[in-house]
Each structure stands twice: as structure tokens, then as C-alpha cells.
């Protein structure tokens, strides 16, 4: 996985690894959007 994380299941198979990898990618993108939202909201109000 791109980022270290403990998983409660074995993701060594091709399908489970791909699904876990995509899920982690989507989660990191959501996290980036949440950070963007907070920072741009603050900066927009201050501007």
C-alpha cells in the first residue's frame, strides 16, 4: 500500500489488494479535499 496502515483482513490476493489500494487512494483524496475546504474557507473569509 502507498501508505502504511493495519487492515483487519488479508489483502495479498490481486482483487483484495486492488480494492484496498483504490479505497486508500479515494480516502486520501477525500482527506485532501477536507483540508482544502477548511483552508480556503478560512482564507476566503479573511480576504
ModelCIF file with pLDDT and N, C-alpha, C, O atoms, coordinates in Angstrom:
data_MODEL
#
_entry.id   MODEL 
#
_entity.id                         1 
_entity.type                       polymer 
_entity.pdbx_number_of_molecules   1 
#
_entity_poly.entity_id                      1 
_entity_poly.type                           'polypeptide(L)' 
_entity_poly.nstd_linkage                   no 
_entity_poly.nstd_monomer                   no 
_entity_poly.pdbx_seq_one_letter_code       
;(UNK)(UNK)(UNK)(UNK)(UNK)(UNK)(UNK)(UNK)(UNK)(UNK)(UNK)(UNK)(UNK)(UNK)(UNK)(UNK)
(UNK)(UNK)(UNK)(UNK)(UNK)(UNK)(UNK)(UNK)(UNK)(UNK)(UNK)(UNK)(UNK)(UNK)(UNK)(UNK)
(UNK)(UNK)(UNK)(UNK)(UNK)(UNK)(UNK)(UNK)(UNK)(UNK)(UNK)(UNK)(UNK)(UNK)(UNK)
;
_entity_poly.pdbx_seq_one_letter_code_can   XXXXXXXXXXXXXXXXXXXXXXXXXXXXXXXXXXXXXXXXXXXXXXX 
_entity_poly.pdbx_strand_id                 A 
#
loop_
_entity_poly_seq.entity_id 
_entity_poly_seq.num 
_entity_poly_seq.mon_id 
_entity_poly_seq.hetero 
1 1  UNK n 
1 2  UNK n 
1 3  UNK n 
1 4  UNK n 
1 5  UNK n 
1 6  UNK n 
1 7  UNK n 
1 8  UNK n 
1 9  UNK n 
1 10 UNK n 
1 11 UNK n 
1 12 UNK n 
1 13 UNK n 
1 14 UNK n 
1 15 UNK n 
1 16 UNK n 
1 17 UNK n 
1 18 UNK n 
1 19 UNK n 
1 20 UNK n 
1 21 UNK n 
1 22 UNK n 
1 23 UNK n 
1 24 UNK n 
1 25 UNK n 
1 26 UNK n 
1 27 UNK n 
1 28 UNK n 
1 29 UNK n 
1 30 UNK n 
1 31 UNK n 
1 32 UNK n 
1 33 UNK n 
1 34 UNK n 
1 35 UNK n 
1 36 UNK n 
1 37 UNK n 
1 38 UNK n 
1 39 UNK n 
1 40 UNK n 
1 41 UNK n 
1 42 UNK n 
1 43 UNK n 
1 44 UNK n 
1 45 UNK n 
1 46 UNK n 
1 47 UNK n 
#
_struct_asym.id          A 
_struct_asym.entity_id   1 
#
loop_
_ma_qa_metric.id 
_ma_qa_metric.mode 
_ma_qa_metric.name 
_ma_qa_metric.software_group_id 
_ma_qa_metric.type 
1 global pLDDT . pLDDT 
2 local  pLDDT . pLDDT 
#
_ma_qa_metric_global.metric_id      1 
_ma_qa_metric_global.metric_value   88.38 
_ma_qa_metric_global.model_id       1 
_ma_qa_metric_global.ordinal_id     1 
#
loop_
_ma_qa_metric_local.label_asym_id 
_ma_qa_metric_local.label_comp_id 
_ma_qa_metric_local.label_seq_id 
_ma_qa_metric_local.metric_id 
_ma_qa_metric_local.metric_value 
_ma_qa_metric_local.model_id 
_ma_qa_metric_local.ordinal_id 
A UNK 1  2 84.00 1 1  
A UNK 2  2 82.00 1 2  
A UNK 3  2 83.00 1 3  
A UNK 4  2 84.00 1 4  
A UNK 5  2 87.00 1 5  
A UNK 6  2 89.00 1 6  
A UNK 7  2 88.00 1 7  
A UNK 8  2 87.00 1 8  
A UNK 9  2 86.00 1 9  
A UNK 10 2 85.00 1 10 
A UNK 11 2 84.00 1 11 
A UNK 12 2 83.00 1 12 
A UNK 13 2 87.00 1 13 
A UNK 14 2 87.00 1 14 
A UNK 15 2 88.00 1 15 
A UNK 16 2 89.00 1 16 
A UNK 17 2 89.00 1 17 
A UNK 18 2 89.00 1 18 
A UNK 19 2 91.00 1 19 
A UNK 20 2 90.00 1 20 
A UNK 21 2 89.00 1 21 
A UNK 22 2 90.00 1 22 
A UNK 23 2 92.00 1 23 
A UNK 24 2 90.00 1 24 
A UNK 25 2 89.00 1 25 
A UNK 26 2 91.00 1 26 
A UNK 27 2 92.00 1 27 
A UNK 28 2 89.00 1 28 
A UNK 29 2 90.00 1 29 
A UNK 30 2 91.00 1 30 
A UNK 31 2 90.00 1 31 
A UNK 32 2 89.00 1 32 
A UNK 33 2 91.00 1 33 
A UNK 34 2 90.00 1 34 
A UNK 35 2 89.00 1 35 
A UNK 36 2 88.00 1 36 
A UNK 37 2 90.00 1 37 
A UNK 38 2 89.00 1 38 
A UNK 39 2 87.00 1 39 
A UNK 40 2 89.00 1 40 
A UNK 41 2 90.00 1 41 
A UNK 42 2 88.00 1 42 
A UNK 43 2 88.00 1 43 
A UNK 44 2 89.00 1 44 
A UNK 45 2 91.00 1 45 
A UNK 46 2 90.00 1 46 
A UNK 47 2 91.00 1 47 
#
loop_
_atom_site.group_PDB 
_atom_site.id 
_atom_site.type_symbol 
_atom_site.label_atom_id 
_atom_site.label_alt_id 
_atom_site.label_comp_id 
_atom_site.label_asym_id 
_atom_site.label_entity_id 
_atom_site.label_seq_id 
_atom_site.pdbx_PDB_ins_code 
_atom_site.Cartn_x 
_atom_site.Cartn_y 
_atom_site.Cartn_z 
_atom_site.occupancy 
_atom_site.B_iso_or_equiv 
_atom_site.pdbx_formal_charge 
_atom_site.auth_seq_id 
_atom_site.auth_comp_id 
_atom_site.auth_asym_id 
_atom_site.auth_atom_id 
_atom_site.pdbx_PDB_model_num 
ATOM 1   N N  . UNK A 1 1  ? 0.843   -1.195  0.000  1.00 84.00 ? 1  UNK A N  1 
ATOM 2   C CA . UNK A 1 1  ? 0.000   0.000   0.000  1.00 84.00 ? 1  UNK A CA 1 
ATOM 3   C C  . UNK A 1 1  ? 0.880   1.247   0.000  1.00 84.00 ? 1  UNK A C  1 
ATOM 4   O O  . UNK A 1 1  ? 1.995   1.235   0.522  1.00 84.00 ? 1  UNK A O  1 
ATOM 5   N N  . UNK A 1 2  ? 0.357   2.330   -0.598 1.00 82.00 ? 2  UNK A N  1 
ATOM 6   C CA . UNK A 1 2  ? 1.140   3.560   -0.679 1.00 82.00 ? 2  UNK A CA 1 
ATOM 7   C C  . UNK A 1 2  ? 1.445   4.094   0.706  1.00 82.00 ? 2  UNK A C  1 
ATOM 8   O O  . UNK A 1 2  ? 2.543   4.604   0.935  1.00 82.00 ? 2  UNK A O  1 
ATOM 9   N N  . UNK A 1 3  ? 0.513   3.995   1.632  1.00 83.00 ? 3  UNK A N  1 
ATOM 10  C CA . UNK A 1 3  ? 0.705   4.469   2.998  1.00 83.00 ? 3  UNK A CA 1 
ATOM 11  C C  . UNK A 1 3  ? 0.489   3.303   3.967  1.00 83.00 ? 3  UNK A C  1 
ATOM 12  O O  . UNK A 1 3  ? -0.435  2.506   3.810  1.00 83.00 ? 3  UNK A O  1 
ATOM 13  N N  . UNK A 1 4  ? 1.357   3.229   4.961  1.00 84.00 ? 4  UNK A N  1 
ATOM 14  C CA . UNK A 1 4  ? 1.245   2.161   5.955  1.00 84.00 ? 4  UNK A CA 1 
ATOM 15  C C  . UNK A 1 4  ? -0.097  2.240   6.675  1.00 84.00 ? 4  UNK A C  1 
ATOM 16  O O  . UNK A 1 4  ? -0.532  3.319   7.076  1.00 84.00 ? 4  UNK A O  1 
ATOM 17  N N  . UNK A 1 5  ? -0.747  1.096   6.834  1.00 87.00 ? 5  UNK A N  1 
ATOM 18  C CA . UNK A 1 5  ? -1.996  1.034   7.576  1.00 87.00 ? 5  UNK A CA 1 
ATOM 19  C C  . UNK A 1 5  ? -2.299  -0.423  7.907  1.00 87.00 ? 5  UNK A C  1 
ATOM 20  O O  . UNK A 1 5  ? -2.074  -1.316  7.090  1.00 87.00 ? 5  UNK A O  1 
ATOM 21  N N  . UNK A 1 6  ? -2.806  -0.649  9.102  1.00 89.00 ? 6  UNK A N  1 
ATOM 22  C CA . UNK A 1 6  ? -3.210  -2.003  9.502  1.00 89.00 ? 6  UNK A CA 1 
ATOM 23  C C  . UNK A 1 6  ? -4.595  -2.288  8.952  1.00 89.00 ? 6  UNK A C  1 
ATOM 24  O O  . UNK A 1 6  ? -5.498  -1.458  9.057  1.00 89.00 ? 6  UNK A O  1 
ATOM 25  N N  . UNK A 1 7  ? -4.757  -3.468  8.364  1.00 88.00 ? 7  UNK A N  1 
ATOM 26  C CA . UNK A 1 7  ? -6.049  -3.890  7.820  1.00 88.00 ? 7  UNK A CA 1 
ATOM 27  C C  . UNK A 1 7  ? -6.526  -5.144  8.553  1.00 88.00 ? 7  UNK A C  1 
ATOM 28  O O  . UNK A 1 7  ? -5.716  -6.023  8.846  1.00 88.00 ? 7  UNK A O  1 
ATOM 29  N N  . UNK A 1 8  ? -7.806  -5.245  8.850  1.00 87.00 ? 8  UNK A N  1 
ATOM 30  C CA . UNK A 1 8  ? -8.327  -6.411  9.603  1.00 87.00 ? 8  UNK A CA 1 
ATOM 31  C C  . UNK A 1 8  ? -8.554  -7.635  8.719  1.00 87.00 ? 8  UNK A C  1 
ATOM 32  O O  . UNK A 1 8  ? -9.315  -8.527  9.094  1.00 87.00 ? 8  UNK A O  1 
ATOM 33  N N  . UNK A 1 9  ? -7.919  -7.695  7.572  1.00 86.00 ? 9  UNK A N  1 
ATOM 34  C CA . UNK A 1 9  ? -8.086  -8.822  6.660  1.00 86.00 ? 9  UNK A CA 1 
ATOM 35  C C  . UNK A 1 9  ? -6.813  -8.987  5.830  1.00 86.00 ? 9  UNK A C  1 
ATOM 36  O O  . UNK A 1 9  ? -5.950  -8.110  5.809  1.00 86.00 ? 9  UNK A O  1 
ATOM 37  N N  . UNK A 1 10 ? -6.718  -10.101 5.164  1.00 85.00 ? 10 UNK A N  1 
ATOM 38  C CA . UNK A 1 10 ? -5.571  -10.404 4.311  1.00 85.00 ? 10 UNK A CA 1 
ATOM 39  C C  . UNK A 1 10 ? -5.833  -9.844  2.913  1.00 85.00 ? 10 UNK A C  1 
ATOM 40  O O  . UNK A 1 10 ? -6.799  -10.230 2.255  1.00 85.00 ? 10 UNK A O  1 
ATOM 41  N N  . UNK A 1 11 ? -4.965  -8.932  2.465  1.00 84.00 ? 11 UNK A N  1 
ATOM 42  C CA . UNK A 1 11 ? -5.160  -8.329  1.140  1.00 84.00 ? 11 UNK A CA 1 
ATOM 43  C C  . UNK A 1 11 ? -4.061  -8.737  0.160  1.00 84.00 ? 11 UNK A C  1 
ATOM 44  O O  . UNK A 1 11 ? -3.675  -7.965  -0.718 1.00 84.00 ? 11 UNK A O  1 
ATOM 45  N N  . UNK A 1 12 ? -3.567  -9.964  0.326  1.00 83.00 ? 12 UNK A N  1 
ATOM 46  C CA . UNK A 1 12 ? -2.480  -10.436 -0.535 1.00 83.00 ? 12 UNK A CA 1 
ATOM 47  C C  . UNK A 1 12 ? -2.953  -10.848 -1.927 1.00 83.00 ? 12 UNK A C  1 
ATOM 48  O O  . UNK A 1 12 ? -2.159  -10.859 -2.867 1.00 83.00 ? 12 UNK A O  1 
ATOM 49  N N  . UNK A 1 13 ? -4.247  -11.191 -2.073 1.00 87.00 ? 13 UNK A N  1 
ATOM 50  C CA . UNK A 1 13 ? -4.745  -11.568 -3.402 1.00 87.00 ? 13 UNK A CA 1 
ATOM 51  C C  . UNK A 1 13 ? -4.850  -10.343 -4.302 1.00 87.00 ? 13 UNK A C  1 
ATOM 52  O O  . UNK A 1 13 ? -4.917  -9.208  -3.829 1.00 87.00 ? 13 UNK A O  1 
ATOM 53  N N  . UNK A 1 14 ? -4.861  -10.592 -5.589 1.00 87.00 ? 14 UNK A N  1 
ATOM 54  C CA . UNK A 1 14 ? -4.878  -9.500  -6.566 1.00 87.00 ? 14 UNK A CA 1 
ATOM 55  C C  . UNK A 1 14 ? -6.094  -8.605  -6.401 1.00 87.00 ? 14 UNK A C  1 
ATOM 56  O O  . UNK A 1 14 ? -5.981  -7.379  -6.399 1.00 87.00 ? 14 UNK A O  1 
ATOM 57  N N  . UNK A 1 15 ? -7.270  -9.235  -6.260 1.00 88.00 ? 15 UNK A N  1 
ATOM 58  C CA . UNK A 1 15 ? -8.507  -8.460  -6.169 1.00 88.00 ? 15 UNK A CA 1 
ATOM 59  C C  . UNK A 1 15 ? -8.571  -7.643  -4.886 1.00 88.00 ? 15 UNK A C  1 
ATOM 60  O O  . UNK A 1 15 ? -8.879  -6.452  -4.918 1.00 88.00 ? 15 UNK A O  1 
ATOM 61  N N  . UNK A 1 16 ? -8.276  -8.293  -3.742 1.00 89.00 ? 16 UNK A N  1 
ATOM 62  C CA . UNK A 1 16 ? -8.380  -7.590  -2.456 1.00 89.00 ? 16 UNK A CA 1 
ATOM 63  C C  . UNK A 1 16 ? -7.352  -6.472  -2.343 1.00 89.00 ? 16 UNK A C  1 
ATOM 64  O O  . UNK A 1 16 ? -7.636  -5.424  -1.764 1.00 89.00 ? 16 UNK A O  1 
ATOM 65  N N  . UNK A 1 17 ? -6.138  -6.692  -2.902 1.00 89.00 ? 17 UNK A N  1 
ATOM 66  C CA . UNK A 1 17 ? -5.134  -5.635  -2.857 1.00 89.00 ? 17 UNK A CA 1 
ATOM 67  C C  . UNK A 1 17 ? -5.571  -4.440  -3.706 1.00 89.00 ? 17 UNK A C  1 
ATOM 68  O O  . UNK A 1 17 ? -5.455  -3.293  -3.275 1.00 89.00 ? 17 UNK A O  1 
ATOM 69  N N  . UNK A 1 18 ? -6.073  -4.712  -4.914 1.00 89.00 ? 18 UNK A N  1 
ATOM 70  C CA . UNK A 1 18 ? -6.521  -3.628  -5.798 1.00 89.00 ? 18 UNK A CA 1 
ATOM 71  C C  . UNK A 1 18 ? -7.642  -2.832  -5.146 1.00 89.00 ? 18 UNK A C  1 
ATOM 72  O O  . UNK A 1 18 ? -7.640  -1.601  -5.175 1.00 89.00 ? 18 UNK A O  1 
ATOM 73  N N  . UNK A 1 19 ? -8.607  -3.550  -4.554 1.00 91.00 ? 19 UNK A N  1 
ATOM 74  C CA . UNK A 1 19 ? -9.725  -2.875  -3.885 1.00 91.00 ? 19 UNK A CA 1 
ATOM 75  C C  . UNK A 1 19 ? -9.234  -2.035  -2.717 1.00 91.00 ? 19 UNK A C  1 
ATOM 76  O O  . UNK A 1 19 ? -9.680  -0.900  -2.544 1.00 91.00 ? 19 UNK A O  1 
ATOM 77  N N  . UNK A 1 20 ? -8.319  -2.575  -1.909 1.00 90.00 ? 20 UNK A N  1 
ATOM 78  C CA . UNK A 1 20 ? -7.791  -1.841  -0.750 1.00 90.00 ? 20 UNK A CA 1 
ATOM 79  C C  . UNK A 1 20 ? -6.979  -0.628  -1.195 1.00 90.00 ? 20 UNK A C  1 
ATOM 80  O O  . UNK A 1 20 ? -7.062  0.440   -0.588 1.00 90.00 ? 20 UNK A O  1 
ATOM 81  N N  . UNK A 1 21 ? -6.197  -0.798  -2.253 1.00 89.00 ? 21 UNK A N  1 
ATOM 82  C CA . UNK A 1 21 ? -5.369  0.291   -2.767 1.00 89.00 ? 21 UNK A CA 1 
ATOM 83  C C  . UNK A 1 21 ? -6.241  1.438   -3.279 1.00 89.00 ? 21 UNK A C  1 
ATOM 84  O O  . UNK A 1 21 ? -5.992  2.606   -2.981 1.00 89.00 ? 21 UNK A O  1 
ATOM 85  N N  . UNK A 1 22 ? -7.268  1.082   -4.056 1.00 90.00 ? 22 UNK A N  1 
ATOM 86  C CA . UNK A 1 22 ? -8.181  2.102   -4.590 1.00 90.00 ? 22 UNK A CA 1 
ATOM 87  C C  . UNK A 1 22 ? -8.926  2.796   -3.454 1.00 90.00 ? 22 UNK A C  1 
ATOM 88  O O  . UNK A 1 22 ? -9.111  4.012   -3.475 1.00 90.00 ? 22 UNK A O  1 
ATOM 89  N N  . UNK A 1 23 ? -9.350  2.015   -2.466 1.00 92.00 ? 23 UNK A N  1 
ATOM 90  C CA . UNK A 1 23 ? -10.073 2.589   -1.320 1.00 92.00 ? 23 UNK A CA 1 
ATOM 91  C C  . UNK A 1 23 ? -9.188  3.570   -0.557 1.00 92.00 ? 23 UNK A C  1 
ATOM 92  O O  . UNK A 1 23 ? -9.649  4.634   -0.142 1.00 92.00 ? 23 UNK A O  1 
ATOM 93  N N  . UNK A 1 24 ? -7.910  3.209   -0.373 1.00 90.00 ? 24 UNK A N  1 
ATOM 94  C CA . UNK A 1 24 ? -6.992  4.114   0.319  1.00 90.00 ? 24 UNK A CA 1 
ATOM 95  C C  . UNK A 1 24 ? -6.757  5.384   -0.495 1.00 90.00 ? 24 UNK A C  1 
ATOM 96  O O  . UNK A 1 24 ? -6.691  6.482   0.057  1.00 90.00 ? 24 UNK A O  1 
ATOM 97  N N  . UNK A 1 25 ? -6.631  5.222   -1.824 1.00 89.00 ? 25 UNK A N  1 
ATOM 98  C CA . UNK A 1 25 ? -6.446  6.384   -2.702 1.00 89.00 ? 25 UNK A CA 1 
ATOM 99  C C  . UNK A 1 25 ? -7.634  7.339   -2.597 1.00 89.00 ? 25 UNK A C  1 
ATOM 100 O O  . UNK A 1 25 ? -7.449  8.549   -2.460 1.00 89.00 ? 25 UNK A O  1 
ATOM 101 N N  . UNK A 1 26 ? -8.863  6.793   -2.661 1.00 91.00 ? 26 UNK A N  1 
ATOM 102 C CA . UNK A 1 26 ? -10.070 7.614   -2.570 1.00 91.00 ? 26 UNK A CA 1 
ATOM 103 C C  . UNK A 1 26 ? -10.128 8.318   -1.216 1.00 91.00 ? 26 UNK A C  1 
ATOM 104 O O  . UNK A 1 26 ? -10.507 9.487   -1.137 1.00 91.00 ? 26 UNK A O  1 
ATOM 105 N N  . UNK A 1 27 ? -9.753  7.605   -0.152 1.00 92.00 ? 27 UNK A N  1 
ATOM 106 C CA . UNK A 1 27 ? -9.771  8.193   1.197  1.00 92.00 ? 27 UNK A CA 1 
ATOM 107 C C  . UNK A 1 27 ? -8.790  9.345   1.314  1.00 92.00 ? 27 UNK A C  1 
ATOM 108 O O  . UNK A 1 27 ? -9.113  10.383  1.892  1.00 92.00 ? 27 UNK A O  1 
ATOM 109 N N  . UNK A 1 28 ? -7.594  9.170   0.770  1.00 89.00 ? 28 UNK A N  1 
ATOM 110 C CA . UNK A 1 28 ? -6.586  10.241  0.811  1.00 89.00 ? 28 UNK A CA 1 
ATOM 111 C C  . UNK A 1 28 ? -7.069  11.457  0.015  1.00 89.00 ? 28 UNK A C  1 
ATOM 112 O O  . UNK A 1 28 ? -6.821  12.597  0.407  1.00 89.00 ? 28 UNK A O  1 
ATOM 113 N N  . UNK A 1 29 ? -7.765  11.208  -1.114 1.00 90.00 ? 29 UNK A N  1 
ATOM 114 C CA . UNK A 1 29 ? -8.311  12.314  -1.895 1.00 90.00 ? 29 UNK A CA 1 
ATOM 115 C C  . UNK A 1 29 ? -9.399  13.059  -1.102 1.00 90.00 ? 29 UNK A C  1 
ATOM 116 O O  . UNK A 1 29 ? -9.456  14.289  -1.119 1.00 90.00 ? 29 UNK A O  1 
ATOM 117 N N  . UNK A 1 30 ? -10.260 12.296  -0.406 1.00 91.00 ? 30 UNK A N  1 
ATOM 118 C CA . UNK A 1 30 ? -11.279 12.927  0.442  1.00 91.00 ? 30 UNK A CA 1 
ATOM 119 C C  . UNK A 1 30 ? -10.620 13.758  1.549  1.00 91.00 ? 30 UNK A C  1 
ATOM 120 O O  . UNK A 1 30 ? -11.068 14.859  1.869  1.00 91.00 ? 30 UNK A O  1 
ATOM 121 N N  . UNK A 1 31 ? -9.550  13.207  2.122  1.00 90.00 ? 31 UNK A N  1 
ATOM 122 C CA . UNK A 1 31 ? -8.835  13.934  3.178  1.00 90.00 ? 31 UNK A CA 1 
ATOM 123 C C  . UNK A 1 31 ? -8.240  15.230  2.631  1.00 90.00 ? 31 UNK A C  1 
ATOM 124 O O  . UNK A 1 31 ? -8.292  16.267  3.292  1.00 90.00 ? 31 UNK A O  1 
ATOM 125 N N  . UNK A 1 32 ? -7.673  15.170  1.415  1.00 89.00 ? 32 UNK A N  1 
ATOM 126 C CA . UNK A 1 32 ? -7.110  16.374  0.793  1.00 89.00 ? 32 UNK A CA 1 
ATOM 127 C C  . UNK A 1 32 ? -8.193  17.416  0.547  1.00 89.00 ? 32 UNK A C  1 
ATOM 128 O O  . UNK A 1 32 ? -7.974  18.608  0.762  1.00 89.00 ? 32 UNK A O  1 
ATOM 129 N N  . UNK A 1 33 ? -9.369  16.964  0.094  1.00 91.00 ? 33 UNK A N  1 
ATOM 130 C CA . UNK A 1 33 ? -10.483 17.898  -0.164 1.00 91.00 ? 33 UNK A CA 1 
ATOM 131 C C  . UNK A 1 33 ? -10.948 18.550  1.132  1.00 91.00 ? 33 UNK A C  1 
ATOM 132 O O  . UNK A 1 33 ? -11.254 19.742  1.155  1.00 91.00 ? 33 UNK A O  1 
ATOM 133 N N  . UNK A 1 34 ? -11.002 17.761  2.224  1.00 90.00 ? 34 UNK A N  1 
ATOM 134 C CA . UNK A 1 34 ? -11.413 18.323  3.520  1.00 90.00 ? 34 UNK A CA 1 
ATOM 135 C C  . UNK A 1 34 ? -10.441 19.398  3.985  1.00 90.00 ? 34 UNK A C  1 
ATOM 136 O O  . UNK A 1 34 ? -10.857 20.435  4.500  1.00 90.00 ? 34 UNK A O  1 
ATOM 137 N N  . UNK A 1 35 ? -9.139  19.148  3.803  1.00 89.00 ? 35 UNK A N  1 
ATOM 138 C CA . UNK A 1 35 ? -8.141  20.156  4.161  1.00 89.00 ? 35 UNK A CA 1 
ATOM 139 C C  . UNK A 1 35 ? -8.261  21.390  3.285  1.00 89.00 ? 35 UNK A C  1 
ATOM 140 O O  . UNK A 1 35 ? -8.176  22.515  3.778  1.00 89.00 ? 35 UNK A O  1 
ATOM 141 N N  . UNK A 1 36 ? -8.457  21.189  1.991  1.00 88.00 ? 36 UNK A N  1 
ATOM 142 C CA . UNK A 1 36 ? -8.650  22.307  1.069  1.00 88.00 ? 36 UNK A CA 1 
ATOM 143 C C  . UNK A 1 36 ? -9.851  23.145  1.472  1.00 88.00 ? 36 UNK A C  1 
ATOM 144 O O  . UNK A 1 36 ? -9.794  24.374  1.457  1.00 88.00 ? 36 UNK A O  1 
ATOM 145 N N  . UNK A 1 37 ? -10.933 22.479  1.830  1.00 90.00 ? 37 UNK A N  1 
ATOM 146 C CA . UNK A 1 37 ? -12.157 23.185  2.203  1.00 90.00 ? 37 UNK A CA 1 
ATOM 147 C C  . UNK A 1 37 ? -11.926 24.077  3.412  1.00 90.00 ? 37 UNK A C  1 
ATOM 148 O O  . UNK A 1 37 ? -12.319 25.243  3.416  1.00 90.00 ? 37 UNK A O  1 
ATOM 149 N N  . UNK A 1 38 ? -11.286 23.526  4.438  1.00 89.00 ? 38 UNK A N  1 
ATOM 150 C CA . UNK A 1 38 ? -11.044 24.295  5.656  1.00 89.00 ? 38 UNK A CA 1 
ATOM 151 C C  . UNK A 1 38 ? -10.125 25.484  5.403  1.00 89.00 ? 38 UNK A C  1 
ATOM 152 O O  . UNK A 1 38 ? -10.406 26.595  5.854  1.00 89.00 ? 38 UNK A O  1 
ATOM 153 N N  . UNK A 1 39 ? -9.037  25.258  4.687  1.00 87.00 ? 39 UNK A N  1 
ATOM 154 C CA . UNK A 1 39 ? -8.067  26.332  4.454  1.00 87.00 ? 39 UNK A CA 1 
ATOM 155 C C  . UNK A 1 39 ? -8.623  27.427  3.544  1.00 87.00 ? 39 UNK A C  1 
ATOM 156 O O  . UNK A 1 39 ? -8.413  28.614  3.792  1.00 87.00 ? 39 UNK A O  1 
ATOM 157 N N  . UNK A 1 40 ? -9.336  27.019  2.485  1.00 89.00 ? 40 UNK A N  1 
ATOM 158 C CA . UNK A 1 40 ? -9.897  28.015  1.571  1.00 89.00 ? 40 UNK A CA 1 
ATOM 159 C C  . UNK A 1 40 ? -11.073 28.754  2.187  1.00 89.00 ? 40 UNK A C  1 
ATOM 160 O O  . UNK A 1 40 ? -11.303 29.923  1.877  1.00 89.00 ? 40 UNK A O  1 
ATOM 161 N N  . UNK A 1 41 ? -11.819 28.084  3.055  1.00 90.00 ? 41 UNK A N  1 
ATOM 162 C CA . UNK A 1 41 ? -12.893 28.770  3.770  1.00 90.00 ? 41 UNK A CA 1 
ATOM 163 C C  . UNK A 1 41 ? -12.317 29.846  4.684  1.00 90.00 ? 41 UNK A C  1 
ATOM 164 O O  . UNK A 1 41 ? -12.789 30.983  4.697  1.00 90.00 ? 41 UNK A O  1 
ATOM 165 N N  . UNK A 1 42 ? -11.284 29.469  5.453  1.00 88.00 ? 42 UNK A N  1 
ATOM 166 C CA . UNK A 1 42 ? -10.657 30.441  6.354  1.00 88.00 ? 42 UNK A CA 1 
ATOM 167 C C  . UNK A 1 42 ? -10.048 31.600  5.569  1.00 88.00 ? 42 UNK A C  1 
ATOM 168 O O  . UNK A 1 42 ? -10.296 32.765  5.881  1.00 88.00 ? 42 UNK A O  1 
ATOM 169 N N  . UNK A 1 43 ? -9.249  31.277  4.548  1.00 88.00 ? 43 UNK A N  1 
ATOM 170 C CA . UNK A 1 43 ? -8.581  32.340  3.784  1.00 88.00 ? 43 UNK A CA 1 
ATOM 171 C C  . UNK A 1 43 ? -9.601  33.206  3.055  1.00 88.00 ? 43 UNK A C  1 
ATOM 172 O O  . UNK A 1 43 ? -9.424  34.420  2.959  1.00 88.00 ? 43 UNK A O  1 
ATOM 173 N N  . UNK A 1 44 ? -10.685 32.586  2.531  1.00 89.00 ? 44 UNK A N  1 
ATOM 174 C CA . UNK A 1 44 ? -11.715 33.365  1.836  1.00 89.00 ? 44 UNK A CA 1 
ATOM 175 C C  . UNK A 1 44 ? -12.405 34.351  2.750  1.00 89.00 ? 44 UNK A C  1 
ATOM 176 O O  . UNK A 1 44 ? -12.635 35.500  2.374  1.00 89.00 ? 44 UNK A O  1 
ATOM 177 N N  . UNK A 1 45 ? -12.738 33.906  3.950  1.00 91.00 ? 45 UNK A N  1 
ATOM 178 C CA . UNK A 1 45 ? -13.382 34.811  4.912  1.00 91.00 ? 45 UNK A CA 1 
ATOM 179 C C  . UNK A 1 45 ? -12.437 35.932  5.337  1.00 91.00 ? 45 UNK A C  1 
ATOM 180 O O  . UNK A 1 45 ? -12.864 37.075  5.502  1.00 91.00 ? 45 UNK A O  1 
ATOM 181 N N  . UNK A 1 46 ? -11.149 35.609  5.516  1.00 90.00 ? 46 UNK A N  1 
ATOM 182 C CA . UNK A 1 46 ? -10.189 36.632  5.913  1.00 90.00 ? 46 UNK A CA 1 
ATOM 183 C C  . UNK A 1 46 ? -9.932  37.617  4.777  1.00 90.00 ? 46 UNK A C  1 
ATOM 184 O O  . UNK A 1 46 ? -9.767  38.813  5.019  1.00 90.00 ? 46 UNK A O  1 
ATOM 185 N N  . UNK A 1 47 ? -9.896  37.120  3.535  1.00 91.00 ? 47 UNK A N  1 
ATOM 186 C CA . UNK A 1 47 ? -9.710  38.020  2.386  1.00 91.00 ? 47 UNK A CA 1 
ATOM 187 C C  . UNK A 1 47 ? -10.883 38.992  2.295  1.00 91.00 ? 47 UNK A C  1 
ATOM 188 O O  . UNK A 1 47 ? -10.920 39.834  1.397  1.00 91.00 ? 47 UNK A O  1 
#
